Amino acid sequence: MTRSPVMPPNYELDQEAWWVQRWVDLLNNYRFKKRLERGRKYAREGNILNIEYKGSKVIALVQGTADDPYKLSIWLDAFTDEDWNYVIDTLAEHALFSAQLLAGEMPDDIEGVFTANGLSLFPFQLSEVHSKCDCPDPKNPCKHIAAVYYQLGDFFREDPFILFQLRGRDRGQILESLRQQRQQSAVVEGGDDVEPVAVPPAVEADMAIAPTSAAYTPINVAQFWQYEEPLDPSLVVIAPASETVLDVLDTIPLPVNDARIVMAHLRDLYQTVSQQAAMKALSLQADEK
């Protein structure tokens, strides 16, 4: 993935997403603040010419005082495959986490997924962030590296999966692992005779992948409303459900105002559909009598 040209970072800290603020706090706690401040000025002035990701490393070109830009790299200690397997297993147990990540939102409790497995997604101090620059400055971080530190905060805001990539797994790898986890759960819990439901790739790529918590049985939509057993109409009571899927899923992972608008629309929609379904069912029940 390549990002070019690079726009100067935005530092509206009071409105930052918490994971971006966490990164900025890491920079603010660095002992040699003047060195970082020079890098921040470089970022603001547009000296970062290009940033791309190669595996778990950030590779950047930053224009300094020389004619040619300096090339630098930044990386964190990547987790092992075994570590990531544990993390994926834990993520798969939280459907809401998957939904929030797909919506570009970092779950509030995401760090708990890693600490539960003896890991930390975020570095505790700047010395845990490794870097190298081909400029003549012997100090690290130099102002070119510091400039990219601040630019990364903007990129984390746009895509929280970048933090995961710096730990060794990119967005595609994580979602694919979650998809495989879901399929394995379906086979194990549903048995060998269960035929999995086909999901279009375009839908599967954007859906939140949730673990199967009960025995998995694919639904035949054409026969969903059929009931094969004898049924006495006088014993049937038709009423709207007391709980909808909106109550089960709880808060939509969107900005607060957007979530309120969407939820209000969906609740009106559910109420209308519920009323129409009840009227239709009552009409069919009357015909049966």
C-alpha atoms as a PDB file:
ATOM      1  CA  MET A   1       0.000   0.000   0.000  1.00  0.00           C
ATOM      2  CA  THR A   2       1.344   3.419  -1.001  1.00  0.00           C
ATOM      3  CA  ARG A   3       0.192   6.868   0.102  1.00  0.00           C
ATOM      4  CA  SER A   4       1.413   9.721  -2.073  1.00  0.00           C
ATOM      5  CA  PRO A   5       1.444  12.679  -1.999  1.00  0.00           C
ATOM      6  CA  VAL A   6       1.238  12.999   1.777  1.00  0.00           C
ATOM      7  CA  MET A   7      -0.990  15.683   3.247  1.00  0.00           C
ATOM      8  CA  PRO A   8       0.151  17.586   6.353  1.00  0.00           C
ATOM      9  CA  PRO A   9      -1.192  15.985   9.542  1.00  0.00           C
ATOM     10  CA  ASN A  10      -4.197  17.270  11.416  1.00  0.00           C
ATOM     11  CA  TYR A  11      -3.849  17.722  15.166  1.00  0.00           C
ATOM     12  CA  GLU A  12      -7.339  18.460  16.523  1.00  0.00           C
ATOM     13  CA  LEU A  13      -6.501  16.511  19.674  1.00  0.00           C
ATOM     14  CA  ASP A  14      -9.697  17.241  21.562  1.00  0.00           C
ATOM     15  CA  GLN A  15     -11.662  15.529  18.779  1.00  0.00           C
ATOM     16  CA  GLU A  16      -9.292  12.638  18.141  1.00  0.00           C
ATOM     17  CA  ALA A  17     -10.307   9.014  18.124  1.00  0.00           C
ATOM     18  CA  TRP A  18      -8.921   7.377  21.242  1.00  0.00           C
ATOM     19  CA  TRP A  19      -6.420   5.173  19.403  1.00  0.00           C
ATOM     20  CA  VAL A  20      -4.988   8.215  17.576  1.00  0.00           C
ATOM     21  CA  GLN A  21      -4.759  10.100  20.873  1.00  0.00           C
ATOM     22  CA  ARG A  22      -2.949   7.092  22.323  1.00  0.00           C
ATOM     23  CA  TRP A  23      -0.286   7.405  19.609  1.00  0.00           C
ATOM     24  CA  VAL A  24       0.011  11.188  20.070  1.00  0.00           C
ATOM     25  CA  ASP A  25       0.378  10.700  23.837  1.00  0.00           C
ATOM     26  CA  LEU A  26       3.231   8.315  23.119  1.00  0.00           C
ATOM     27  CA  LEU A  27       5.000  11.076  21.183  1.00  0.00           C
ATOM     28  CA  ASN A  28       4.223  13.721  23.795  1.00  0.00           C
ATOM     29  CA  ASN A  29       5.791  11.582  26.518  1.00  0.00           C
ATOM     30  CA  TYR A  30       9.103  11.393  24.660  1.00  0.00           C
ATOM     31  CA  ARG A  31      11.911  12.940  26.683  1.00  0.00           C
ATOM     32  CA  PHE A  32      13.590  14.970  23.919  1.00  0.00           C
ATOM     33  CA  LYS A  33      10.607  17.050  22.808  1.00  0.00           C
ATOM     34  CA  LYS A  34      12.575  19.596  20.741  1.00  0.00           C
ATOM     35  CA  ARG A  35      13.724  16.856  18.390  1.00  0.00           C
ATOM     36  CA  LEU A  36      10.154  15.717  17.814  1.00  0.00           C
ATOM     37  CA  GLU A  37       8.976  19.290  17.400  1.00  0.00           C
ATOM     38  CA  ARG A  38      11.331  19.781  14.454  1.00  0.00           C
ATOM     39  CA  GLY A  39       9.871  16.661  12.897  1.00  0.00           C
ATOM     40  CA  ARG A  40       6.345  17.904  13.498  1.00  0.00           C
ATOM     41  CA  LYS A  41       7.221  21.108  11.645  1.00  0.00           C
ATOM     42  CA  TYR A  42       8.593  19.053   8.743  1.00  0.00           C
ATOM     43  CA  ALA A  43       5.329  17.137   8.544  1.00  0.00           C
ATOM     44  CA  ARG A  44       3.256  20.310   8.621  1.00  0.00           C
ATOM     45  CA  GLU A  45       5.323  21.875   5.844  1.00  0.00           C
ATOM     46  CA  GLY A  46       4.722  18.897   3.556  1.00  0.00           C
ATOM     47  CA  ASN A  47       8.277  17.529   3.539  1.00  0.00           C
ATOM     48  CA  ILE A  48       7.049  13.925   3.555  1.00  0.00           C
ATOM     49  CA  LEU A  49       7.010  12.979  -0.120  1.00  0.00           C
ATOM     50  CA  ASN A  50       5.848   9.398   0.038  1.00  0.00           C
ATOM     51  CA  ILE A  51       4.865   6.674   2.498  1.00  0.00           C
ATOM     52  CA  GLU A  52       4.316   3.010   1.710  1.00  0.00           C
ATOM     53  CA  TYR A  53       4.022  -0.238   3.629  1.00  0.00           C
ATOM     54  CA  LYS A  54       6.233  -3.216   2.912  1.00  0.00           C
ATOM     55  CA  GLY A  55       5.139  -6.072   5.125  1.00  0.00           C
ATOM     56  CA  SER A  56       5.109  -4.745   8.673  1.00  0.00           C
ATOM     57  CA  LYS A  57       7.468  -1.848   7.887  1.00  0.00           C
ATOM     58  CA  VAL A  58       6.694   1.760   7.002  1.00  0.00           C
ATOM     59  CA  ILE A  59       8.978   3.070   4.249  1.00  0.00           C
ATOM     60  CA  ALA A  60       9.050   6.823   3.641  1.00  0.00           C
ATOM     61  CA  LEU A  61      10.804   9.522   1.635  1.00  0.00           C
ATOM     62  CA  VAL A  62      11.296  12.838   3.434  1.00  0.00           C
ATOM     63  CA  GLN A  63      12.786  15.944   1.870  1.00  0.00           C
ATOM     64  CA  GLY A  64      15.503  17.452   4.028  1.00  0.00           C
ATOM     65  CA  THR A  65      18.074  20.168   3.385  1.00  0.00           C
ATOM     66  CA  ALA A  66      19.911  18.065   0.779  1.00  0.00           C
ATOM     67  CA  ASP A  67      18.804  17.879  -2.855  1.00  0.00           C
ATOM     68  CA  ASP A  68      17.790  14.237  -2.628  1.00  0.00           C
ATOM     69  CA  PRO A  69      15.148  13.114  -0.118  1.00  0.00           C
ATOM     70  CA  TYR A  70      16.122  10.803   2.707  1.00  0.00           C
ATOM     71  CA  LYS A  71      14.773   7.268   2.893  1.00  0.00           C
ATOM     72  CA  LEU A  72      13.701   5.881   6.225  1.00  0.00           C
ATOM     73  CA  SER A  73      11.908   2.901   7.717  1.00  0.00           C
ATOM     74  CA  ILE A  74       9.806   2.493  10.871  1.00  0.00           C
ATOM     75  CA  TRP A  75       8.585  -0.762  12.389  1.00  0.00           C
ATOM     76  CA  LEU A  76       7.350  -2.441  15.553  1.00  0.00           C
ATOM     77  CA  ASP A  77       8.165  -5.916  16.808  1.00  0.00           C
ATOM     78  CA  ALA A  78       5.862  -8.184  14.810  1.00  0.00           C
ATOM     79  CA  PHE A  79       3.898 -10.889  16.615  1.00  0.00           C
ATOM     80  CA  THR A  80       4.578 -14.517  15.769  1.00  0.00           C
ATOM     81  CA  ASP A  81       2.085 -16.627  13.803  1.00  0.00           C
ATOM     82  CA  GLU A  82       1.241 -18.433  17.035  1.00  0.00           C
ATOM     83  CA  ASP A  83       0.543 -15.118  18.769  1.00  0.00           C
ATOM     84  CA  TRP A  84      -1.728 -14.031  15.931  1.00  0.00           C
ATOM     85  CA  ASN A  85      -3.622 -17.329  16.017  1.00  0.00           C
ATOM     86  CA  TYR A  86      -4.474 -16.694  19.665  1.00  0.00           C
ATOM     87  CA  VAL A  87      -5.512 -13.100  18.877  1.00  0.00           C
ATOM     88  CA  ILE A  88      -7.751 -14.201  15.993  1.00  0.00           C
ATOM     89  CA  ASP A  89      -9.402 -16.833  18.209  1.00  0.00           C
ATOM     90  CA  THR A  90     -10.153 -14.162  20.810  1.00  0.00           C
ATOM     91  CA  LEU A  91     -11.382 -11.642  18.230  1.00  0.00           C
ATOM     92  CA  ALA A  92     -13.716 -14.269  16.768  1.00  0.00           C
ATOM     93  CA  GLU A  93     -15.444 -14.512  20.141  1.00  0.00           C
ATOM     94  CA  HIS A  94     -16.497 -10.834  19.898  1.00  0.00           C
ATOM     95  CA  ALA A  95     -18.720 -10.163  16.868  1.00  0.00           C
ATOM     96  CA  LEU A  96     -18.970  -6.461  17.737  1.00  0.00           C
ATOM     97  CA  PHE A  97     -15.188  -6.069  17.495  1.00  0.00           C
ATOM     98  CA  SER A  98     -15.244  -7.353  13.913  1.00  0.00           C
ATOM     99  CA  ALA A  99     -18.125  -5.026  13.030  1.00  0.00           C
ATOM    100  CA  GLN A 100     -16.379  -1.985  14.495  1.00  0.00           C
ATOM    101  CA  LEU A 101     -13.105  -2.709  12.720  1.00  0.00           C
ATOM    102  CA  LEU A 102     -14.928  -3.086   9.409  1.00  0.00           C
ATOM    103  CA  ALA A 103     -16.529   0.297  10.054  1.00  0.00           C
ATOM    104  CA  GLY A 104     -13.082   1.849  10.581  1.00  0.00           C
ATOM    105  CA  GLU A 105     -13.527   2.152  14.336  1.00  0.00           C
ATOM    106  CA  MET A 106     -11.085   0.767  16.871  1.00  0.00           C
ATOM    107  CA  PRO A 107     -13.038  -1.094  19.608  1.00  0.00           C
ATOM    108  CA  ASP A 108     -12.558   0.429  23.055  1.00  0.00           C
ATOM    109  CA  ASP A 109     -11.558  -2.903  24.574  1.00  0.00           C
ATOM    110  CA  ILE A 110      -9.342  -4.089  21.699  1.00  0.00           C
ATOM    111  CA  GLU A 111      -6.202  -3.897  23.830  1.00  0.00           C
ATOM    112  CA  GLY A 112      -7.777  -6.455  26.140  1.00  0.00           C
ATOM    113  CA  VAL A 113      -7.761  -8.973  23.280  1.00  0.00           C
ATOM    114  CA  PHE A 114      -3.993  -8.673  23.100  1.00  0.00           C
ATOM    115  CA  THR A 115      -3.235  -8.438  26.821  1.00  0.00           C
ATOM    116  CA  ALA A 116      -5.332 -11.579  27.370  1.00  0.00           C
ATOM    117  CA  ASN A 117      -2.758 -13.307  25.183  1.00  0.00           C
ATOM    118  CA  GLY A 118       0.295 -11.688  26.818  1.00  0.00           C
ATOM    119  CA  LEU A 119       0.715  -9.065  24.066  1.00  0.00           C
ATOM    120  CA  SER A 120       0.298  -5.330  23.587  1.00  0.00           C
ATOM    121  CA  LEU A 121      -1.021  -3.776  20.374  1.00  0.00           C
ATOM    122  CA  PHE A 122       0.267  -0.319  21.299  1.00  0.00           C
ATOM    123  CA  PRO A 123       3.882   0.340  22.274  1.00  0.00           C
ATOM    124  CA  PHE A 124       4.302   1.601  25.839  1.00  0.00           C
ATOM    125  CA  GLN A 125       7.139   3.985  25.006  1.00  0.00           C
ATOM    126  CA  LEU A 126       8.766   5.428  21.903  1.00  0.00           C
ATOM    127  CA  SER A 127      11.886   3.285  22.357  1.00  0.00           C
ATOM    128  CA  GLU A 128       9.753   0.282  21.323  1.00  0.00           C
ATOM    129  CA  VAL A 129       9.238   1.883  17.900  1.00  0.00           C
ATOM    130  CA  HIS A 130      12.242   0.923  15.751  1.00  0.00           C
ATOM    131  CA  SER A 131      13.453   3.241  13.006  1.00  0.00           C
ATOM    132  CA  LYS A 132      16.339   3.898  10.619  1.00  0.00           C
ATOM    133  CA  CYS A 133      17.112   6.851   8.332  1.00  0.00           C
ATOM    134  CA  ASP A 134      19.925   7.337   5.805  1.00  0.00           C
ATOM    135  CA  CYS A 135      20.414  10.992   6.757  1.00  0.00           C
ATOM    136  CA  PRO A 136      23.746  12.025   8.401  1.00  0.00           C
ATOM    137  CA  ASP A 137      22.126  12.784  11.777  1.00  0.00           C
ATOM    138  CA  PRO A 138      23.431  10.152  14.275  1.00  0.00           C
ATOM    139  CA  LYS A 139      20.532  10.767  16.657  1.00  0.00           C
ATOM    140  CA  ASN A 140      17.406   8.650  16.532  1.00  0.00           C
ATOM    141  CA  PRO A 141      14.744   9.734  15.980  1.00  0.00           C
ATOM    142  CA  CYS A 142      16.004  12.341  13.547  1.00  0.00           C
ATOM    143  CA  LYS A 143      13.580  15.020  12.390  1.00  0.00           C
ATOM    144  CA  HIS A 144      12.738  12.992   9.266  1.00  0.00           C
ATOM    145  CA  ILE A 145      11.666   9.992  11.337  1.00  0.00           C
ATOM    146  CA  ALA A 146       9.831  12.281  13.765  1.00  0.00           C
ATOM    147  CA  ALA A 147       7.894  13.807  10.862  1.00  0.00           C
ATOM    148  CA  VAL A 148       6.638  10.366   9.838  1.00  0.00           C
ATOM    149  CA  TYR A 149       5.718   9.593  13.462  1.00  0.00           C
ATOM    150  CA  TYR A 150       3.239  12.456  13.356  1.00  0.00           C
ATOM    151  CA  GLN A 151       1.981  11.547   9.893  1.00  0.00           C
ATOM    152  CA  LEU A 152       1.247   8.014  11.060  1.00  0.00           C
ATOM    153  CA  GLY A 153      -1.234   9.445  13.557  1.00  0.00           C
ATOM    154  CA  ASP A 154      -3.308  10.719  10.631  1.00  0.00           C
ATOM    155  CA  PHE A 155      -3.125   7.356   8.910  1.00  0.00           C
ATOM    156  CA  PHE A 156      -4.230   5.559  12.077  1.00  0.00           C
ATOM    157  CA  ARG A 157      -7.276   7.843  12.088  1.00  0.00           C
ATOM    158  CA  GLU A 158      -8.156   6.806   8.532  1.00  0.00           C
ATOM    159  CA  ASP A 159      -7.479   3.104   8.958  1.00  0.00           C
ATOM    160  CA  PRO A 160      -6.931   1.484  12.384  1.00  0.00           C
ATOM    161  CA  PHE A 161      -5.837  -1.716  10.627  1.00  0.00           C
ATOM    162  CA  ILE A 162      -2.445  -0.043  10.042  1.00  0.00           C
ATOM    163  CA  LEU A 163      -1.631  -0.674  13.708  1.00  0.00           C
ATOM    164  CA  PHE A 164      -2.299  -4.367  13.159  1.00  0.00           C
ATOM    165  CA  GLN A 165      -0.130  -4.327  10.046  1.00  0.00           C
ATOM    166  CA  LEU A 166       2.785  -2.926  12.033  1.00  0.00           C
ATOM    167  CA  ARG A 167       2.396  -5.971  14.288  1.00  0.00           C
ATOM    168  CA  GLY A 168       2.557  -8.361  11.340  1.00  0.00           C
ATOM    169  CA  ARG A 169      -0.964  -8.836   9.901  1.00  0.00           C
ATOM    170  CA  ASP A 170      -2.719  -6.545   7.430  1.00  0.00           C
ATOM    171  CA  ARG A 171      -6.465  -6.000   7.008  1.00  0.00           C
ATOM    172  CA  GLY A 172      -6.921  -8.710   4.375  1.00  0.00           C
ATOM    173  CA  GLN A 173      -5.063 -11.330   6.408  1.00  0.00           C
ATOM    174  CA  ILE A 174      -7.065 -10.617   9.561  1.00  0.00           C
ATOM    175  CA  LEU A 175     -10.447 -10.733   7.817  1.00  0.00           C
ATOM    176  CA  GLU A 176      -9.496 -13.900   5.959  1.00  0.00           C
ATOM    177  CA  SER A 177      -8.452 -15.549   9.220  1.00  0.00           C
ATOM    178  CA  LEU A 178     -11.751 -14.560  10.825  1.00  0.00           C
ATOM    179  CA  ARG A 179     -13.643 -15.950   7.818  1.00  0.00           C
ATOM    180  CA  GLN A 180     -11.823 -19.276   8.104  1.00  0.00           C
ATOM    181  CA  GLN A 181     -12.517 -19.340  11.836  1.00  0.00           C
ATOM    182  CA  ARG A 182     -16.232 -18.903  11.149  1.00  0.00           C
ATOM    183  CA  GLN A 183     -16.253 -21.713   8.599  1.00  0.00           C
ATOM    184  CA  GLN A 184     -14.422 -24.077  10.935  1.00  0.00           C
ATOM    185  CA  SER A 185     -16.881 -23.310  13.733  1.00  0.00           C
ATOM    186  CA  ALA A 186     -19.777 -24.041  11.381  1.00  0.00           C
ATOM    187  CA  VAL A 187     -18.342 -27.426  10.391  1.00  0.00           C
ATOM    188  CA  VAL A 188     -17.450 -28.474  13.927  1.00  0.00           C
ATOM    189  CA  GLU A 189     -20.751 -27.446  15.468  1.00  0.00           C
ATOM    190  CA  GLY A 190     -23.002 -28.328  12.553  1.00  0.00           C
ATOM    191  CA  GLY A 191     -21.502 -31.710  11.691  1.00  0.00           C
ATOM    192  CA  ASP A 192     -20.111 -33.177   8.500  1.00  0.00           C
ATOM    193  CA  ASP A 193     -23.507 -33.340   6.785  1.00  0.00           C
ATOM    194  CA  VAL A 194     -24.105 -29.617   6.972  1.00  0.00           C
ATOM    195  CA  GLU A 195     -23.745 -27.793   3.690  1.00  0.00           C
ATOM    196  CA  PRO A 196     -22.414 -24.249   4.243  1.00  0.00           C
ATOM    197  CA  VAL A 197     -24.443 -21.314   2.993  1.00  0.00           C
ATOM    198  CA  ALA A 198     -22.821 -19.573   0.022  1.00  0.00           C
ATOM    199  CA  VAL A 199     -22.082 -15.898   0.648  1.00  0.00           C
ATOM    200  CA  PRO A 200     -21.197 -13.576  -2.253  1.00  0.00           C
ATOM    201  CA  PRO A 201     -17.564 -12.409  -1.971  1.00  0.00           C
ATOM    202  CA  ALA A 202     -18.554  -8.731  -2.147  1.00  0.00           C
ATOM    203  CA  VAL A 203     -20.895  -9.205   0.807  1.00  0.00           C
ATOM    204  CA  GLU A 204     -18.500 -11.373   2.788  1.00  0.00           C
ATOM    205  CA  ALA A 205     -15.744  -8.774   2.451  1.00  0.00           C
ATOM    206  CA  ASP A 206     -17.840  -6.096   4.179  1.00  0.00           C
ATOM    207  CA  MET A 207     -19.754  -8.163   6.705  1.00  0.00           C
ATOM    208  CA  ALA A 208     -18.836  -8.533  10.377  1.00  0.00           C
ATOM    209  CA  ILE A 209     -17.718 -12.101  10.884  1.00  0.00           C
ATOM    210  CA  ALA A 210     -19.232 -13.577  14.027  1.00  0.00           C
ATOM    211  CA  PRO A 211     -18.502 -16.915  15.703  1.00  0.00           C
ATOM    212  CA  THR A 212     -21.216 -19.545  15.791  1.00  0.00           C
ATOM    213  CA  SER A 213     -22.425 -19.844  19.364  1.00  0.00           C
ATOM    214  CA  ALA A 214     -25.119 -22.486  18.749  1.00  0.00           C
ATOM    215  CA  ALA A 215     -25.517 -25.496  16.475  1.00  0.00           C
ATOM    216  CA  TYR A 216     -25.202 -24.214  12.936  1.00  0.00           C
ATOM    217  CA  THR A 217     -28.055 -25.180  10.586  1.00  0.00           C
ATOM    218  CA  PRO A 218     -28.364 -23.493   7.197  1.00  0.00           C
ATOM    219  CA  ILE A 219     -31.765 -21.935   6.531  1.00  0.00           C
ATOM    220  CA  ASN A 220     -33.840 -22.856   3.520  1.00  0.00           C
ATOM    221  CA  VAL A 221     -35.507 -19.492   2.893  1.00  0.00           C
ATOM    222  CA  ALA A 222     -38.143 -20.978   0.553  1.00  0.00           C
ATOM    223  CA  GLN A 223     -39.469 -23.180   3.378  1.00  0.00           C
ATOM    224  CA  PHE A 224     -38.882 -20.787   6.265  1.00  0.00           C
ATOM    225  CA  TRP A 225     -42.573 -20.064   6.899  1.00  0.00           C
ATOM    226  CA  GLN A 226     -43.806 -23.625   6.418  1.00  0.00           C
ATOM    227  CA  TYR A 227     -44.875 -25.669   9.434  1.00  0.00           C
ATOM    228  CA  GLU A 228     -45.422 -29.374   8.818  1.00  0.00           C
ATOM    229  CA  GLU A 229     -47.132 -30.312  12.093  1.00  0.00           C
ATOM    230  CA  PRO A 230     -50.901 -30.046  12.741  1.00  0.00           C
ATOM    231  CA  LEU A 231     -51.778 -26.662  14.214  1.00  0.00           C
ATOM    232  CA  ASP A 232     -55.022 -25.653  15.924  1.00  0.00           C
ATOM    233  CA  PRO A 233     -55.754 -22.039  14.834  1.00  0.00           C
ATOM    234  CA  SER A 234     -57.647 -21.386  18.073  1.00  0.00           C
ATOM    235  CA  LEU A 235     -54.436 -21.907  20.041  1.00  0.00           C
ATOM    236  CA  VAL A 236     -52.328 -19.509  17.951  1.00  0.00           C
ATOM    237  CA  VAL A 237     -51.582 -16.007  19.205  1.00  0.00           C
ATOM    238  CA  ILE A 238     -50.035 -13.595  16.696  1.00  0.00           C
ATOM    239  CA  ALA A 239     -48.132 -10.642  18.108  1.00  0.00           C
ATOM    240  CA  PRO A 240     -45.031  -8.616  17.179  1.00  0.00           C
ATOM    241  CA  ALA A 241     -41.766  -9.816  18.691  1.00  0.00           C
ATOM    242  CA  SER A 242     -40.796  -8.128  21.938  1.00  0.00           C
ATOM    243  CA  GLU A 243     -37.132  -8.024  20.901  1.00  0.00           C
ATOM    244  CA  THR A 244     -35.662  -7.277  17.474  1.00  0.00           C
ATOM    245  CA  VAL A 245     -32.227  -7.776  16.018  1.00  0.00           C
ATOM    246  CA  LEU A 246     -31.543  -4.106  16.824  1.00  0.00           C
ATOM    247  CA  ASP A 247     -31.858  -4.896  20.536  1.00  0.00           C
ATOM    248  CA  VAL A 248     -29.550  -7.893  20.193  1.00  0.00           C
ATOM    249  CA  LEU A 249     -26.832  -6.048  18.264  1.00  0.00           C
ATOM    250  CA  ASP A 250     -27.003  -3.016  20.581  1.00  0.00           C
ATOM    251  CA  THR A 251     -25.107   0.147  19.585  1.00  0.00           C
ATOM    252  CA  ILE A 252     -24.192   0.610  15.927  1.00  0.00           C
ATOM    253  CA  PRO A 253     -20.434   1.297  15.569  1.00  0.00           C
ATOM    254  CA  LEU A 254     -20.884   4.736  13.977  1.00  0.00           C
ATOM    255  CA  PRO A 255     -20.341   8.307  15.177  1.00  0.00           C
ATOM    256  CA  VAL A 256     -22.948   9.161  17.838  1.00  0.00           C
ATOM    257  CA  ASN A 257     -25.145  11.451  15.723  1.00  0.00           C
ATOM    258  CA  ASP A 258     -25.039   9.124  12.709  1.00  0.00           C
ATOM    259  CA  ALA A 259     -25.870   6.131  14.897  1.00  0.00           C
ATOM    260  CA  ARG A 260     -28.945   7.895  16.324  1.00  0.00           C
ATOM    261  CA  ILE A 261     -30.253   8.753  12.859  1.00  0.00           C
ATOM    262  CA  VAL A 262     -29.696   5.238  11.521  1.00  0.00           C
ATOM    263  CA  MET A 263     -31.199   3.575  14.601  1.00  0.00           C
ATOM    264  CA  ALA A 264     -34.290   5.812  14.483  1.00  0.00           C
ATOM    265  CA  HIS A 265     -34.798   4.940  10.816  1.00  0.00           C
ATOM    266  CA  LEU A 266     -34.341   1.212  11.437  1.00  0.00           C
ATOM    267  CA  ARG A 267     -36.689   1.202  14.434  1.00  0.00           C
ATOM    268  CA  ASP A 268     -39.414   2.892  12.357  1.00  0.00           C
ATOM    269  CA  LEU A 269     -38.767   0.384   9.600  1.00  0.00           C
ATOM    270  CA  TYR A 270     -38.952  -2.600  11.968  1.00  0.00           C
ATOM    271  CA  GLN A 271     -42.170  -1.302  13.512  1.00  0.00           C
ATOM    272  CA  THR A 272     -43.812  -0.868  10.092  1.00  0.00           C
ATOM    273  CA  VAL A 273     -42.709  -4.290   8.869  1.00  0.00           C
ATOM    274  CA  SER A 274     -43.783  -5.903  12.137  1.00  0.00           C
ATOM    275  CA  GLN A 275     -47.262  -4.382  11.900  1.00  0.00           C
ATOM    276  CA  GLN A 276     -47.658  -5.416   8.275  1.00  0.00           C
ATOM    277  CA  ALA A 277     -46.479  -8.945   9.049  1.00  0.00           C
ATOM    278  CA  ALA A 278     -48.939  -9.255  11.930  1.00  0.00           C
ATOM    279  CA  MET A 279     -51.809  -8.005   9.737  1.00  0.00           C
ATOM    280  CA  LYS A 280     -50.878 -10.464   7.009  1.00  0.00           C
ATOM    281  CA  ALA A 281     -50.665 -13.333   9.479  1.00  0.00           C
ATOM    282  CA  LEU A 282     -54.046 -12.451  10.994  1.00  0.00           C
ATOM    283  CA  SER A 283     -55.545 -12.313   7.524  1.00  0.00           C
ATOM    284  CA  LEU A 284     -54.173 -15.773   6.677  1.00  0.00           C
ATOM    285  CA  GLN A 285     -55.401 -17.116  10.017  1.00  0.00           C
ATOM    286  CA  ALA A 286     -58.904 -15.822   9.295  1.00  0.00           C
ATOM    287  CA  ASP A 287     -58.844 -17.482   5.867  1.00  0.00           C
ATOM    288  CA  GLU A 288     -57.876 -20.791   7.483  1.00  0.00           C
ATOM    289  CA  LYS A 289     -60.904 -20.605   9.757  1.00  0.00           C
END
